[in-house]
Amino acid sequence: MPIFEHSANFPFSREDVWAWHARPGAIRRIMPGWEGIRPIEVGGIQNGARTSFKISIGPIPQRWVAEHHSYIEGEQFCDNMVKGPFGRWDHAHKFLVVSDNEMTIHDHVDWKLPFHFFSRIGAPIMVMPRLRQMFKHRTRRINADMSRQANFKHLPRKRILISGSTGLIGTQLSAFLETDGHDVHRLLRKRTALHPDSDKNKIVRWDDQTGQVLEGSLENFDVIIHLAGAGIGDKRWSKKRKQLIVNSRTIPTKNLSENIARLSSPPSLFMSASAIGFYDNRGDEELDETSSVGSGFLAETCQQWEQSTEPARSAGIRTVILRTGLVTTAAGGMLQKLLLPAKMGGMGPVGGGRQWQSWISFDDQIYSIHHLMNQEDSEGVYNLTAPNPVTQKVYAKTLGRVLRRPAFAPIPGFMMKLLFGKMGKGLILDGQKVHPKRLIESGYEFEHSDLESALRDTLGRFN
């Protein structure tokens, strides 16, 4: 029977690393974005607890059900596949002390494919490289997350409410904050389904179009983070879609801001999403937080969106605006849409490729919000972009290099307009060269300051 073993050292105590794994959110944080894993049921790590998720083994998604056993507090937990694509899978996680501030996680996996003779053939080709890739990601994730969290370990844990917690950014931000020991609650619309790994006792439901709180209370939170809004790049911009994009941002933000202003025990900090579309298409002009608003649909939408936080600011609530760039992750957004043509060698310069793309890695998106949340003097607008924006041509060339695919076939601008209409112009052909001046001045250090390292990390194409 094939065996996979992996050991990784961490510059933290065994107690701290164990606590990180035992908290809600850990399984979300260690799942590689490129795998497309979707949790269905999430239990703990104690004996008998079950976790199930959808995973793609080949072209067909399959359900994997794991049951935990052999739990020893602070030392080990194990999981056995009771249903899934393997003939056998038994995984032991052992937590070993090296010193007071250093430990090792040793992973031991006994596995075989459904037909045993396939294991001998498939191990070196399909299974072992994928396992090495996944465990390398897991090691990097734990190290990076815990290092960021250690920066503010001396501060009290916070009670946090997050809207948009089921979205791409909100899901991972919630998980990251939970592994950091914070008390995370979700602000959901009345019909929004809760993630299976979310605590049903920690939700507030509201009607975002009227502001009425239907379940729970907005009182007594230390921080409220507002991320909700209809996807800008999900569908073509019809007149109806554009109105939805505006209304899903401005109305809920204004309603939430007004509710916060009326609270008896308001949060000390209100953080609200925005986007670098605020600046509109400005060519080679270097833009920072002091730059003026642009013109056009996206700029006007972002300006109204940001102005909708005024009731909270006027009530004396410290307010931070998160003006976000192109979030680079294989789990969703623009990069996910580009992967198929890029893997086929069809991702070259679009519309000439001279337009600037101010990107930010998924890690830095999460870590920068966490950083600003823990800065007592953070207030006003912050550009959440990497310090090194690139042109679309460079983006395509870098992605091709990471994927080991050609990236020279040009795509005419009129093709984008034909395929995507006004959305194609606003999101693909237009661009902004944005600098995160205030974020850098606040002391934030980027996990990924260059595009290639961000792409390699999110795609699992490690050097």
Foldseek 3Di string as FASTA:
>chain_A
DDKDKDKDKAQAALVLLLLLQQWQLLVVLLDFLQFLKAWDADFGQEAQTKTKIWTDDDPDIDIWIWGKDPDDPSFKIKIWTPDDFWCTWIKIWGWAGPDRRMIMTMIMIDTAGNDRVVRVVCVVPPNVVVVVLSVVLNNVRSRVLVVLLVVCLVDDAFEEEEEPCVPDLNVNLQSSSRSSVHNYAYEEEPPDDDRNSDDPVRYWYDHLQQLGTDDDDQADGQEYEYEWFDDLPPAFDDVVNLVRRLSRQQRSLLSVLQRQLPYPHHHLEYEYEAAPCLQWFDQPDEDEPVDHGDDDSRNVSRVSNVVSNVSNVVSVRFYEYEHEFQEDACNDGPNVVCVVCLLVQNAAQEQNQRAKGFYAYSVQVSSLVVLLSSDSPDGYYFYSGAQDIDTRRVVQCLLSVLSVHHHHNYHHNVVQCVVRNPSSCRPPVGHHNYHRVVSVVSVDDGPDNDDNVSSCSNNSSDD
